[in-house]
């Protein structure tokens, strides 16, 4: 299990206490479509929206999830952290990473996958992120694990990568480009900085072919995922594949890794399902209420900033919608692709 460096209680330590409530209001306004559709606003202001989201949510993620902010299905008997590492190592294997290669992690979070892959494949990973607080956490974790020689961090927007053409041997993203306002433009930037013959590995959040835009429940689930996870929109698997091809990639693997293949396997959303065990009680109505009102109590005595409980509420919205998306089969967080930049590109 990775060393945990997170607050004792979920909080928002990335900003001053007096800034939190305004940040929550600003973030939620991007998703308030009650009077007018803000979809265009979410795409045009995606960088500000995402920064608000991760400034508010990062400590909650680390507190409840660890250092790798992504999903993975689990084998029976496999613990949560082992399943997360397996998903990362699988990516490195399918990208055919070789010792000493320069790899780019697009949207690296606090660097959990980058450190895991750097160790596993003996490569150098550059983590790119547009959120200063997450990069600060990434640097702290990396120094603690003595991986400074294999990992470095760059603050930049993945729609405008600050690297020369053909700079990297491989590029990957794990549930990060779901935040991209334009998939084709994002993938073209990745294509540009990748060497000819290099691989782009991706776990993408997608709507599946079971999603029906005319179904009100399906639209409600989609909206809940977007609001709770800082997304401007959610693409379908077909749209993702077409966008990669339009960017110039040759796709070698397409696979929904979110699907379980044996009756004993646990779903990717298993860890978010409500239940009576200690690990699942927090996702019941009672557990969610205890956390929310507990945080409100801590707000009232000044131990956490005002607005912290509201962050917990929109993260609860995400958890509920993700479980519903998984159960109905209309959503996957793990649409896995490996695409290659042609040698003559």
C-alpha atoms as a PDB file:
ATOM      1  CA  UNK A   1       0.000   0.000   0.000  1.00  0.00           C
ATOM      2  CA  UNK A   2       1.312   3.452  -0.918  1.00  0.00           C
ATOM      3  CA  UNK A   3       2.200   5.726   1.957  1.00  0.00           C
ATOM      4  CA  UNK A   4      -0.681   8.046   2.734  1.00  0.00           C
ATOM      5  CA  UNK A   5       0.048  11.741   3.234  1.00  0.00           C
ATOM      6  CA  UNK A   6      -3.348  13.278   3.760  1.00  0.00           C
ATOM      7  CA  UNK A   7      -5.360  15.090   6.419  1.00  0.00           C
ATOM      8  CA  UNK A   8      -6.952  13.187   9.291  1.00  0.00           C
ATOM      9  CA  UNK A   9     -10.358  14.436   8.149  1.00  0.00           C
ATOM     10  CA  UNK A  10     -11.313  15.384   4.572  1.00  0.00           C
ATOM     11  CA  UNK A  11     -10.823  19.111   4.130  1.00  0.00           C
ATOM     12  CA  UNK A  12      -9.715  21.725   1.616  1.00  0.00           C
ATOM     13  CA  UNK A  13      -6.130  22.701   2.405  1.00  0.00           C
ATOM     14  CA  UNK A  14      -5.268  24.042  -1.049  1.00  0.00           C
ATOM     15  CA  UNK A  15      -6.674  27.530  -0.438  1.00  0.00           C
ATOM     16  CA  UNK A  16      -7.317  30.048   2.290  1.00  0.00           C
ATOM     17  CA  UNK A  17     -10.320  29.332   4.491  1.00  0.00           C
ATOM     18  CA  UNK A  18     -12.192  32.419   3.348  1.00  0.00           C
ATOM     19  CA  UNK A  19     -11.814  31.410  -0.322  1.00  0.00           C
ATOM     20  CA  UNK A  20     -13.470  28.005  -0.115  1.00  0.00           C
ATOM     21  CA  UNK A  21     -17.151  29.019  -0.169  1.00  0.00           C
ATOM     22  CA  UNK A  22     -16.653  31.330  -3.161  1.00  0.00           C
ATOM     23  CA  UNK A  23     -14.789  28.572  -4.990  1.00  0.00           C
ATOM     24  CA  UNK A  24     -17.645  26.124  -4.327  1.00  0.00           C
ATOM     25  CA  UNK A  25     -20.197  28.649  -5.614  1.00  0.00           C
ATOM     26  CA  UNK A  26     -18.109  29.315  -8.710  1.00  0.00           C
ATOM     27  CA  UNK A  27     -17.640  25.626  -9.480  1.00  0.00           C
ATOM     28  CA  UNK A  28     -21.297  24.682  -8.984  1.00  0.00           C
ATOM     29  CA  UNK A  29     -22.403  27.580 -11.190  1.00  0.00           C
ATOM     30  CA  UNK A  30     -20.690  25.906 -14.162  1.00  0.00           C
ATOM     31  CA  UNK A  31     -23.087  22.964 -13.738  1.00  0.00           C
ATOM     32  CA  UNK A  32     -26.245  24.916 -12.893  1.00  0.00           C
ATOM     33  CA  UNK A  33     -28.355  24.472 -16.032  1.00  0.00           C
ATOM     34  CA  UNK A  34     -31.676  25.267 -14.324  1.00  0.00           C
ATOM     35  CA  UNK A  35     -32.065  28.642 -16.072  1.00  0.00           C
ATOM     36  CA  UNK A  36     -29.776  28.229 -19.069  1.00  0.00           C
ATOM     37  CA  UNK A  37     -27.540  25.570 -20.548  1.00  0.00           C
ATOM     38  CA  UNK A  38     -23.957  26.145 -19.399  1.00  0.00           C
ATOM     39  CA  UNK A  39     -22.428  23.411 -21.566  1.00  0.00           C
ATOM     40  CA  UNK A  40     -20.637  25.957 -23.752  1.00  0.00           C
ATOM     41  CA  UNK A  41     -19.380  27.777 -20.644  1.00  0.00           C
ATOM     42  CA  UNK A  42     -17.999  24.527 -19.223  1.00  0.00           C
ATOM     43  CA  UNK A  43     -16.028  23.946 -22.414  1.00  0.00           C
ATOM     44  CA  UNK A  44     -14.795  27.504 -22.952  1.00  0.00           C
ATOM     45  CA  UNK A  45     -13.769  27.891 -19.283  1.00  0.00           C
ATOM     46  CA  UNK A  46     -12.681  24.288 -18.767  1.00  0.00           C
ATOM     47  CA  UNK A  47      -9.297  25.205 -17.241  1.00  0.00           C
ATOM     48  CA  UNK A  48     -10.789  27.442 -14.556  1.00  0.00           C
ATOM     49  CA  UNK A  49     -13.564  24.933 -13.822  1.00  0.00           C
ATOM     50  CA  UNK A  50     -11.132  22.035 -13.466  1.00  0.00           C
ATOM     51  CA  UNK A  51      -8.789  24.058 -11.261  1.00  0.00           C
ATOM     52  CA  UNK A  52     -11.677  24.992  -8.965  1.00  0.00           C
ATOM     53  CA  UNK A  53     -12.692  21.347  -8.834  1.00  0.00           C
ATOM     54  CA  UNK A  54      -9.273  19.952  -7.925  1.00  0.00           C
ATOM     55  CA  UNK A  55      -8.441  22.747  -5.510  1.00  0.00           C
ATOM     56  CA  UNK A  56     -11.570  21.695  -3.650  1.00  0.00           C
ATOM     57  CA  UNK A  57     -11.537  17.925  -4.132  1.00  0.00           C
ATOM     58  CA  UNK A  58      -7.885  16.789  -4.037  1.00  0.00           C
ATOM     59  CA  UNK A  59      -7.638  16.301  -0.276  1.00  0.00           C
ATOM     60  CA  UNK A  60     -10.907  14.354  -0.285  1.00  0.00           C
ATOM     61  CA  UNK A  61      -9.513  12.126  -3.046  1.00  0.00           C
ATOM     62  CA  UNK A  62      -6.296  11.408  -1.171  1.00  0.00           C
ATOM     63  CA  UNK A  63      -8.143  10.871   2.090  1.00  0.00           C
ATOM     64  CA  UNK A  64     -10.553   8.349   0.594  1.00  0.00           C
ATOM     65  CA  UNK A  65      -8.721   6.927  -2.423  1.00  0.00           C
ATOM     66  CA  UNK A  66      -4.951   7.188  -2.102  1.00  0.00           C
ATOM     67  CA  UNK A  67      -2.531   8.727  -4.600  1.00  0.00           C
ATOM     68  CA  UNK A  68      -3.860   7.203  -7.847  1.00  0.00           C
ATOM     69  CA  UNK A  69      -7.133   8.874  -8.798  1.00  0.00           C
ATOM     70  CA  UNK A  70      -8.638   6.214 -11.010  1.00  0.00           C
ATOM     71  CA  UNK A  71     -10.791   3.095 -11.038  1.00  0.00           C
ATOM     72  CA  UNK A  72      -9.956  -0.550 -11.657  1.00  0.00           C
ATOM     73  CA  UNK A  73     -11.976  -3.787 -11.532  1.00  0.00           C
ATOM     74  CA  UNK A  74     -10.842  -6.231  -8.859  1.00  0.00           C
ATOM     75  CA  UNK A  75     -10.312  -9.946  -8.719  1.00  0.00           C
ATOM     76  CA  UNK A  76     -11.832 -11.734  -5.748  1.00  0.00           C
ATOM     77  CA  UNK A  77      -9.223 -11.701  -2.975  1.00  0.00           C
ATOM     78  CA  UNK A  78      -7.365  -8.750  -4.491  1.00  0.00           C
ATOM     79  CA  UNK A  79      -7.241  -5.597  -2.376  1.00  0.00           C
ATOM     80  CA  UNK A  80      -8.059  -2.132  -3.676  1.00  0.00           C
ATOM     81  CA  UNK A  81      -4.476  -0.904  -3.994  1.00  0.00           C
ATOM     82  CA  UNK A  82      -3.356  -4.065  -5.787  1.00  0.00           C
ATOM     83  CA  UNK A  83      -6.107  -3.608  -8.393  1.00  0.00           C
ATOM     84  CA  UNK A  84      -5.073   0.011  -8.949  1.00  0.00           C
ATOM     85  CA  UNK A  85      -1.423  -0.965  -9.437  1.00  0.00           C
ATOM     86  CA  UNK A  86      -2.403  -3.810 -11.774  1.00  0.00           C
ATOM     87  CA  UNK A  87      -4.272  -1.375 -14.035  1.00  0.00           C
ATOM     88  CA  UNK A  88      -1.202   0.886 -14.188  1.00  0.00           C
ATOM     89  CA  UNK A  89       1.222  -1.958 -14.874  1.00  0.00           C
ATOM     90  CA  UNK A  90      -1.099  -3.382 -17.547  1.00  0.00           C
ATOM     91  CA  UNK A  91      -0.956  -0.019 -19.307  1.00  0.00           C
ATOM     92  CA  UNK A  92       2.856  -0.003 -19.232  1.00  0.00           C
ATOM     93  CA  UNK A  93       3.008  -3.542 -20.620  1.00  0.00           C
ATOM     94  CA  UNK A  94       0.574  -2.899 -23.464  1.00  0.00           C
ATOM     95  CA  UNK A  95       2.500   0.260 -24.405  1.00  0.00           C
ATOM     96  CA  UNK A  96       5.656  -1.895 -24.583  1.00  0.00           C
ATOM     97  CA  UNK A  97       7.627   0.517 -22.405  1.00  0.00           C
ATOM     98  CA  UNK A  98      11.381  -0.077 -22.338  1.00  0.00           C
ATOM     99  CA  UNK A  99      14.008   0.841 -19.758  1.00  0.00           C
ATOM    100  CA  UNK A 100      15.145   4.450 -19.955  1.00  0.00           C
ATOM    101  CA  UNK A 101      12.343   5.716 -22.185  1.00  0.00           C
ATOM    102  CA  UNK A 102      10.873   9.196 -21.717  1.00  0.00           C
ATOM    103  CA  UNK A 103       7.155   8.913 -20.979  1.00  0.00           C
ATOM    104  CA  UNK A 104       4.560  11.677 -20.587  1.00  0.00           C
ATOM    105  CA  UNK A 105       1.668  11.362 -18.115  1.00  0.00           C
ATOM    106  CA  UNK A 106      -1.071  13.715 -19.322  1.00  0.00           C
ATOM    107  CA  UNK A 107      -3.120  14.943 -16.351  1.00  0.00           C
ATOM    108  CA  UNK A 108      -0.991  13.295 -13.674  1.00  0.00           C
ATOM    109  CA  UNK A 109      -2.979  14.203 -10.542  1.00  0.00           C
ATOM    110  CA  UNK A 110      -0.714  13.887  -7.495  1.00  0.00           C
ATOM    111  CA  UNK A 111       1.513  11.465  -9.393  1.00  0.00           C
ATOM    112  CA  UNK A 112       0.477   8.050  -8.105  1.00  0.00           C
ATOM    113  CA  UNK A 113       0.431   6.312 -11.522  1.00  0.00           C
ATOM    114  CA  UNK A 114       3.603   8.107 -12.660  1.00  0.00           C
ATOM    115  CA  UNK A 115       5.588   6.841  -9.677  1.00  0.00           C
ATOM    116  CA  UNK A 116       4.135   3.340 -10.007  1.00  0.00           C
ATOM    117  CA  UNK A 117       4.923   3.104 -13.732  1.00  0.00           C
ATOM    118  CA  UNK A 118       8.378   4.670 -13.336  1.00  0.00           C
ATOM    119  CA  UNK A 119       9.310   1.952 -10.847  1.00  0.00           C
ATOM    120  CA  UNK A 120       7.613  -0.903 -12.679  1.00  0.00           C
ATOM    121  CA  UNK A 121       8.952  -0.169 -16.188  1.00  0.00           C
ATOM    122  CA  UNK A 122      12.195   1.603 -15.147  1.00  0.00           C
ATOM    123  CA  UNK A 123      11.340   4.640 -17.274  1.00  0.00           C
ATOM    124  CA  UNK A 124      11.400   8.378 -16.698  1.00  0.00           C
ATOM    125  CA  UNK A 125       7.924   9.880 -16.378  1.00  0.00           C
ATOM    126  CA  UNK A 126       7.111  13.558 -16.800  1.00  0.00           C
ATOM    127  CA  UNK A 127       3.811  14.357 -15.123  1.00  0.00           C
ATOM    128  CA  UNK A 128       1.828  17.224 -16.621  1.00  0.00           C
ATOM    129  CA  UNK A 129      -0.925  18.964 -14.699  1.00  0.00           C
ATOM    130  CA  UNK A 130      -2.556  22.397 -14.749  1.00  0.00           C
ATOM    131  CA  UNK A 131      -3.335  22.403 -11.023  1.00  0.00           C
ATOM    132  CA  UNK A 132      -0.594  23.879  -8.835  1.00  0.00           C
ATOM    133  CA  UNK A 133      -1.801  22.260  -5.622  1.00  0.00           C
ATOM    134  CA  UNK A 134      -1.761  18.763  -7.090  1.00  0.00           C
ATOM    135  CA  UNK A 135       1.746  19.317  -8.452  1.00  0.00           C
ATOM    136  CA  UNK A 136       2.872  20.437  -5.006  1.00  0.00           C
ATOM    137  CA  UNK A 137       1.499  17.197  -3.565  1.00  0.00           C
ATOM    138  CA  UNK A 138       3.125  15.198  -6.379  1.00  0.00           C
ATOM    139  CA  UNK A 139       6.523  16.691  -5.567  1.00  0.00           C
ATOM    140  CA  UNK A 140       6.086  15.967  -1.848  1.00  0.00           C
ATOM    141  CA  UNK A 141       5.164  12.333  -2.440  1.00  0.00           C
ATOM    142  CA  UNK A 142       7.975  11.868  -4.962  1.00  0.00           C
ATOM    143  CA  UNK A 143      10.641  13.229  -2.612  1.00  0.00           C
ATOM    144  CA  UNK A 144       9.362  11.012   0.181  1.00  0.00           C
ATOM    145  CA  UNK A 145       9.645   7.971  -2.101  1.00  0.00           C
ATOM    146  CA  UNK A 146      13.088   9.052  -3.395  1.00  0.00           C
ATOM    147  CA  UNK A 147      11.966   9.005  -7.037  1.00  0.00           C
ATOM    148  CA  UNK A 148      13.136  12.492  -8.067  1.00  0.00           C
ATOM    149  CA  UNK A 149      15.502  10.991 -10.662  1.00  0.00           C
ATOM    150  CA  UNK A 150      12.658   9.155 -12.418  1.00  0.00           C
ATOM    151  CA  UNK A 151       9.776  11.626 -12.135  1.00  0.00           C
ATOM    152  CA  UNK A 152       9.470  15.334 -12.816  1.00  0.00           C
ATOM    153  CA  UNK A 153       6.474  17.641 -12.940  1.00  0.00           C
ATOM    154  CA  UNK A 154       5.350  20.334 -15.371  1.00  0.00           C
ATOM    155  CA  UNK A 155       2.504  22.801 -14.892  1.00  0.00           C
ATOM    156  CA  UNK A 156       0.694  23.237 -18.195  1.00  0.00           C
ATOM    157  CA  UNK A 157      -2.593  22.802 -20.035  1.00  0.00           C
ATOM    158  CA  UNK A 158      -2.862  19.487 -21.906  1.00  0.00           C
ATOM    159  CA  UNK A 159      -4.546  21.331 -24.773  1.00  0.00           C
ATOM    160  CA  UNK A 160      -1.248  23.203 -25.320  1.00  0.00           C
ATOM    161  CA  UNK A 161       1.655  20.899 -24.458  1.00  0.00           C
ATOM    162  CA  UNK A 162       4.926  22.833 -23.857  1.00  0.00           C
ATOM    163  CA  UNK A 163       7.184  20.283 -25.561  1.00  0.00           C
ATOM    164  CA  UNK A 164       8.834  20.070 -28.968  1.00  0.00           C
ATOM    165  CA  UNK A 165       7.545  17.705 -31.633  1.00  0.00           C
ATOM    166  CA  UNK A 166       8.469  14.057 -31.118  1.00  0.00           C
ATOM    167  CA  UNK A 167       9.854  14.636 -27.609  1.00  0.00           C
ATOM    168  CA  UNK A 168       8.488  11.516 -25.877  1.00  0.00           C
ATOM    169  CA  UNK A 169       8.855   7.784 -26.496  1.00  0.00           C
ATOM    170  CA  UNK A 170       5.365   7.186 -25.102  1.00  0.00           C
ATOM    171  CA  UNK A 171       2.393   9.101 -23.736  1.00  0.00           C
ATOM    172  CA  UNK A 172      -0.444   7.931 -21.527  1.00  0.00           C
ATOM    173  CA  UNK A 173      -3.444   9.347 -19.761  1.00  0.00           C
ATOM    174  CA  UNK A 174      -5.533   7.729 -17.039  1.00  0.00           C
ATOM    175  CA  UNK A 175      -9.038   9.178 -16.722  1.00  0.00           C
ATOM    176  CA  UNK A 176      -7.696  12.706 -17.301  1.00  0.00           C
ATOM    177  CA  UNK A 177      -8.606  13.753 -20.835  1.00  0.00           C
ATOM    178  CA  UNK A 178     -12.241  13.277 -19.882  1.00  0.00           C
ATOM    179  CA  UNK A 179     -11.795  16.930 -18.845  1.00  0.00           C
ATOM    180  CA  UNK A 180     -10.745  17.973 -22.373  1.00  0.00           C
ATOM    181  CA  UNK A 181     -13.233  20.316 -24.089  1.00  0.00           C
ATOM    182  CA  UNK A 182     -12.189  19.080 -27.543  1.00  0.00           C
ATOM    183  CA  UNK A 183     -11.004  15.470 -27.859  1.00  0.00           C
ATOM    184  CA  UNK A 184      -9.569  15.833 -31.365  1.00  0.00           C
ATOM    185  CA  UNK A 185      -7.509  18.909 -30.460  1.00  0.00           C
ATOM    186  CA  UNK A 186      -6.251  17.236 -27.276  1.00  0.00           C
ATOM    187  CA  UNK A 187      -5.257  14.034 -29.069  1.00  0.00           C
ATOM    188  CA  UNK A 188      -3.531  16.041 -31.824  1.00  0.00           C
ATOM    189  CA  UNK A 189      -1.295  17.657 -29.214  1.00  0.00           C
ATOM    190  CA  UNK A 190      -0.442  14.235 -27.795  1.00  0.00           C
ATOM    191  CA  UNK A 191       0.240  12.982 -31.338  1.00  0.00           C
ATOM    192  CA  UNK A 192       2.556  15.938 -31.968  1.00  0.00           C
ATOM    193  CA  UNK A 193       4.843  15.398 -28.946  1.00  0.00           C
ATOM    194  CA  UNK A 194       5.059  11.629 -29.493  1.00  0.00           C
ATOM    195  CA  UNK A 195       7.902  10.109 -31.520  1.00  0.00           C
ATOM    196  CA  UNK A 196       6.938   8.275 -34.733  1.00  0.00           C
ATOM    197  CA  UNK A 197       6.218   4.666 -33.837  1.00  0.00           C
ATOM    198  CA  UNK A 198       5.467   5.622 -30.222  1.00  0.00           C
ATOM    199  CA  UNK A 199       2.390   4.508 -28.306  1.00  0.00           C
ATOM    200  CA  UNK A 200      -0.385   6.478 -26.668  1.00  0.00           C
ATOM    201  CA  UNK A 201      -2.132   4.469 -23.928  1.00  0.00           C
ATOM    202  CA  UNK A 202      -5.429   5.674 -22.515  1.00  0.00           C
ATOM    203  CA  UNK A 203      -8.104   4.872 -19.948  1.00  0.00           C
ATOM    204  CA  UNK A 204     -10.985   7.156 -20.951  1.00  0.00           C
ATOM    205  CA  UNK A 205     -14.292   7.939 -19.227  1.00  0.00           C
ATOM    206  CA  UNK A 206     -16.991   7.151 -21.788  1.00  0.00           C
ATOM    207  CA  UNK A 207     -20.668   6.606 -22.378  1.00  0.00           C
ATOM    208  CA  UNK A 208     -21.232   3.139 -23.795  1.00  0.00           C
ATOM    209  CA  UNK A 209     -23.542   2.081 -26.620  1.00  0.00           C
ATOM    210  CA  UNK A 210     -26.193   1.378 -23.950  1.00  0.00           C
ATOM    211  CA  UNK A 211     -26.579   5.103 -23.273  1.00  0.00           C
ATOM    212  CA  UNK A 212     -29.873   6.490 -24.603  1.00  0.00           C
ATOM    213  CA  UNK A 213     -29.951  10.313 -24.778  1.00  0.00           C
ATOM    214  CA  UNK A 214     -33.769  10.165 -24.898  1.00  0.00           C
ATOM    215  CA  UNK A 215     -33.898   8.346 -21.535  1.00  0.00           C
ATOM    216  CA  UNK A 216     -34.371  10.873 -18.670  1.00  0.00           C
ATOM    217  CA  UNK A 217     -32.688   8.565 -16.139  1.00  0.00           C
ATOM    218  CA  UNK A 218     -29.660   8.168 -18.386  1.00  0.00           C
ATOM    219  CA  UNK A 219     -29.402  11.943 -18.808  1.00  0.00           C
ATOM    220  CA  UNK A 220     -29.670  12.379 -15.029  1.00  0.00           C
ATOM    221  CA  UNK A 221     -26.819   9.910 -14.443  1.00  0.00           C
ATOM    222  CA  UNK A 222     -24.650  11.623 -17.050  1.00  0.00           C
ATOM    223  CA  UNK A 223     -25.324  15.027 -15.479  1.00  0.00           C
ATOM    224  CA  UNK A 224     -24.491  13.722 -11.992  1.00  0.00           C
ATOM    225  CA  UNK A 225     -21.135  12.360 -13.176  1.00  0.00           C
ATOM    226  CA  UNK A 226     -20.291  15.621 -14.918  1.00  0.00           C
ATOM    227  CA  UNK A 227     -21.198  17.789 -11.921  1.00  0.00           C
ATOM    228  CA  UNK A 228     -19.549  15.547  -9.360  1.00  0.00           C
ATOM    229  CA  UNK A 229     -16.332  15.036 -11.328  1.00  0.00           C
ATOM    230  CA  UNK A 230     -15.599  18.339 -13.040  1.00  0.00           C
ATOM    231  CA  UNK A 231     -16.376  17.276 -16.610  1.00  0.00           C
ATOM    232  CA  UNK A 232     -17.522  19.598 -19.417  1.00  0.00           C
ATOM    233  CA  UNK A 233     -19.217  16.649 -21.177  1.00  0.00           C
ATOM    234  CA  UNK A 234     -18.794  12.869 -21.596  1.00  0.00           C
ATOM    235  CA  UNK A 235     -17.904  11.360 -24.971  1.00  0.00           C
ATOM    236  CA  UNK A 236     -19.068   8.004 -26.254  1.00  0.00           C
ATOM    237  CA  UNK A 237     -16.591   5.220 -26.969  1.00  0.00           C
ATOM    238  CA  UNK A 238     -17.202   5.684 -30.697  1.00  0.00           C
ATOM    239  CA  UNK A 239     -16.488   9.415 -30.453  1.00  0.00           C
ATOM    240  CA  UNK A 240     -13.210   8.720 -28.647  1.00  0.00           C
ATOM    241  CA  UNK A 241     -12.065   6.213 -31.274  1.00  0.00           C
ATOM    242  CA  UNK A 242     -13.014   8.541 -34.123  1.00  0.00           C
ATOM    243  CA  UNK A 243     -11.219  11.458 -32.448  1.00  0.00           C
ATOM    244  CA  UNK A 244      -8.005   9.431 -32.116  1.00  0.00           C
ATOM    245  CA  UNK A 245      -8.136   8.435 -35.755  1.00  0.00           C
ATOM    246  CA  UNK A 246      -8.806  12.020 -36.817  1.00  0.00           C
ATOM    247  CA  UNK A 247      -5.760  13.079 -34.785  1.00  0.00           C
ATOM    248  CA  UNK A 248      -3.662  10.673 -36.868  1.00  0.00           C
ATOM    249  CA  UNK A 249      -3.358   7.608 -34.624  1.00  0.00           C
ATOM    250  CA  UNK A 250      -3.569   3.980 -35.671  1.00  0.00           C
ATOM    251  CA  UNK A 251      -5.545   2.191 -32.975  1.00  0.00           C
ATOM    252  CA  UNK A 252      -4.235  -1.240 -32.032  1.00  0.00           C
ATOM    253  CA  UNK A 253      -6.328  -2.041 -28.923  1.00  0.00           C
ATOM    254  CA  UNK A 254      -9.893  -1.138 -27.966  1.00  0.00           C
ATOM    255  CA  UNK A 255     -11.202  -2.731 -24.776  1.00  0.00           C
ATOM    256  CA  UNK A 256     -13.616  -1.772 -22.014  1.00  0.00           C
ATOM    257  CA  UNK A 257     -11.476  -2.724 -19.029  1.00  0.00           C
ATOM    258  CA  UNK A 258     -14.329  -1.751 -16.736  1.00  0.00           C
ATOM    259  CA  UNK A 259     -16.155  -4.975 -17.572  1.00  0.00           C
ATOM    260  CA  UNK A 260     -15.754  -7.958 -15.275  1.00  0.00           C
ATOM    261  CA  UNK A 261     -15.083 -11.311 -16.929  1.00  0.00           C
ATOM    262  CA  UNK A 262     -15.779 -13.774 -14.117  1.00  0.00           C
ATOM    263  CA  UNK A 263     -18.632 -14.121 -11.597  1.00  0.00           C
ATOM    264  CA  UNK A 264     -16.170 -13.714  -8.729  1.00  0.00           C
ATOM    265  CA  UNK A 265     -14.683 -10.436  -9.981  1.00  0.00           C
ATOM    266  CA  UNK A 266     -15.709  -7.166  -8.342  1.00  0.00           C
ATOM    267  CA  UNK A 267     -16.948  -4.270 -10.449  1.00  0.00           C
ATOM    268  CA  UNK A 268     -14.998  -1.044 -10.881  1.00  0.00           C
ATOM    269  CA  UNK A 269     -17.694   0.748  -8.832  1.00  0.00           C
ATOM    270  CA  UNK A 270     -17.751  -1.837  -6.022  1.00  0.00           C
ATOM    271  CA  UNK A 271     -15.808   0.473  -3.694  1.00  0.00           C
ATOM    272  CA  UNK A 272     -18.530   3.147  -4.050  1.00  0.00           C
ATOM    273  CA  UNK A 273     -21.523   0.893  -3.427  1.00  0.00           C
ATOM    274  CA  UNK A 274     -23.478   1.309  -0.177  1.00  0.00           C
ATOM    275  CA  UNK A 275     -23.371  -1.553   2.325  1.00  0.00           C
ATOM    276  CA  UNK A 276     -23.099  -2.421   6.002  1.00  0.00           C
ATOM    277  CA  UNK A 277     -19.391  -3.304   6.016  1.00  0.00           C
ATOM    278  CA  UNK A 278     -16.990  -0.628   7.358  1.00  0.00           C
ATOM    279  CA  UNK A 279     -15.654   0.060   3.851  1.00  0.00           C
ATOM    280  CA  UNK A 280     -19.137   0.654   2.395  1.00  0.00           C
ATOM    281  CA  UNK A 281     -21.068   2.219   5.278  1.00  0.00           C
ATOM    282  CA  UNK A 282     -19.922   5.720   4.279  1.00  0.00           C
ATOM    283  CA  UNK A 283     -21.827   5.335   0.993  1.00  0.00           C
ATOM    284  CA  UNK A 284     -25.167   4.577   2.647  1.00  0.00           C
ATOM    285  CA  UNK A 285     -27.658   7.364   3.275  1.00  0.00           C
ATOM    286  CA  UNK A 286     -26.741   7.266   6.956  1.00  0.00           C
ATOM    287  CA  UNK A 287     -23.002   7.292   6.285  1.00  0.00           C
ATOM    288  CA  UNK A 288     -23.236  10.196   3.863  1.00  0.00           C
ATOM    289  CA  UNK A 289     -25.346  12.156   6.340  1.00  0.00           C
ATOM    290  CA  UNK A 290     -22.879  11.544   9.177  1.00  0.00           C
ATOM    291  CA  UNK A 291     -19.944  12.795   7.087  1.00  0.00           C
ATOM    292  CA  UNK A 292     -21.809  15.855   5.770  1.00  0.00           C
ATOM    293  CA  UNK A 293     -23.192  16.949   9.131  1.00  0.00           C
ATOM    294  CA  UNK A 294     -19.917  16.093  10.832  1.00  0.00           C
ATOM    295  CA  UNK A 295     -18.124  18.442   8.464  1.00  0.00           C
ATOM    296  CA  UNK A 296     -20.749  21.113   9.084  1.00  0.00           C
ATOM    297  CA  UNK A 297     -20.041  20.767  12.784  1.00  0.00           C
ATOM    298  CA  UNK A 298     -16.317  21.168  12.172  1.00  0.00           C
ATOM    299  CA  UNK A 299     -17.069  24.227  10.021  1.00  0.00           C
ATOM    300  CA  UNK A 300     -19.058  25.801  12.843  1.00  0.00           C
ATOM    301  CA  UNK A 301     -16.103  25.627  15.240  1.00  0.00           C
ATOM    302  CA  UNK A 302     -13.568  26.700  12.621  1.00  0.00           C
ATOM    303  CA  UNK A 303     -11.662  23.417  12.292  1.00  0.00           C
ATOM    304  CA  UNK A 304     -12.351  23.194   8.551  1.00  0.00           C
ATOM    305  CA  UNK A 305     -13.249  26.012   6.114  1.00  0.00           C
ATOM    306  CA  UNK A 306     -16.897  26.889   5.494  1.00  0.00           C
ATOM    307  CA  UNK A 307     -17.964  25.174   2.289  1.00  0.00           C
ATOM    308  CA  UNK A 308     -16.112  21.920   2.991  1.00  0.00           C
ATOM    309  CA  UNK A 309     -19.376  20.051   3.595  1.00  0.00           C
ATOM    310  CA  UNK A 310     -20.686  21.257   0.231  1.00  0.00           C
ATOM    311  CA  UNK A 311     -17.638  19.771  -1.478  1.00  0.00           C
ATOM    312  CA  UNK A 312     -18.497  16.466   0.184  1.00  0.00           C
ATOM    313  CA  UNK A 313     -22.064  16.759  -1.136  1.00  0.00           C
ATOM    314  CA  UNK A 314     -21.081  17.146  -4.800  1.00  0.00           C
ATOM    315  CA  UNK A 315     -18.591  14.300  -4.408  1.00  0.00           C
ATOM    316  CA  UNK A 316     -21.477  12.217  -3.040  1.00  0.00           C
ATOM    317  CA  UNK A 317     -23.439  13.176  -6.147  1.00  0.00           C
ATOM    318  CA  UNK A 318     -20.576  11.799  -8.225  1.00  0.00           C
ATOM    319  CA  UNK A 319     -20.430   8.524  -6.275  1.00  0.00           C
ATOM    320  CA  UNK A 320     -24.171   7.898  -6.610  1.00  0.00           C
ATOM    321  CA  UNK A 321     -24.189   8.702 -10.322  1.00  0.00           C
ATOM    322  CA  UNK A 322     -21.093   6.577 -11.002  1.00  0.00           C
ATOM    323  CA  UNK A 323     -22.647   3.544  -9.308  1.00  0.00           C
ATOM    324  CA  UNK A 324     -25.854   4.070 -11.285  1.00  0.00           C
ATOM    325  CA  UNK A 325     -23.829   4.450 -14.482  1.00  0.00           C
ATOM    326  CA  UNK A 326     -22.020   1.199 -13.757  1.00  0.00           C
ATOM    327  CA  UNK A 327     -25.117  -0.763 -12.796  1.00  0.00           C
ATOM    328  CA  UNK A 328     -27.028   0.322 -15.900  1.00  0.00           C
ATOM    329  CA  UNK A 329     -23.982  -0.251 -18.101  1.00  0.00           C
ATOM    330  CA  UNK A 330     -24.255   3.161 -19.749  1.00  0.00           C
ATOM    331  CA  UNK A 331     -20.895   4.412 -18.441  1.00  0.00           C
ATOM    332  CA  UNK A 332     -17.340   3.120 -18.127  1.00  0.00           C
ATOM    333  CA  UNK A 333     -14.307   4.884 -16.605  1.00  0.00           C
ATOM    334  CA  UNK A 334     -11.921   2.433 -18.244  1.00  0.00           C
ATOM    335  CA  UNK A 335     -12.359   2.442 -22.001  1.00  0.00           C
ATOM    336  CA  UNK A 336      -8.837   1.272 -22.778  1.00  0.00           C
ATOM    337  CA  UNK A 337      -7.059   2.063 -26.021  1.00  0.00           C
ATOM    338  CA  UNK A 338      -3.509   1.752 -27.243  1.00  0.00           C
ATOM    339  CA  UNK A 339      -2.832   3.851 -30.326  1.00  0.00           C
ATOM    340  CA  UNK A 340       0.364   4.185 -32.364  1.00  0.00           C
ATOM    341  CA  UNK A 341       1.813   7.150 -34.192  1.00  0.00           C
ATOM    342  CA  UNK A 342       2.746   5.898 -37.681  1.00  0.00           C
ATOM    343  CA  UNK A 343       6.472   5.659 -38.401  1.00  0.00           C
ATOM    344  CA  UNK A 344       6.106   7.922 -41.425  1.00  0.00           C
ATOM    345  CA  UNK A 345       4.225  10.625 -39.501  1.00  0.00           C
END
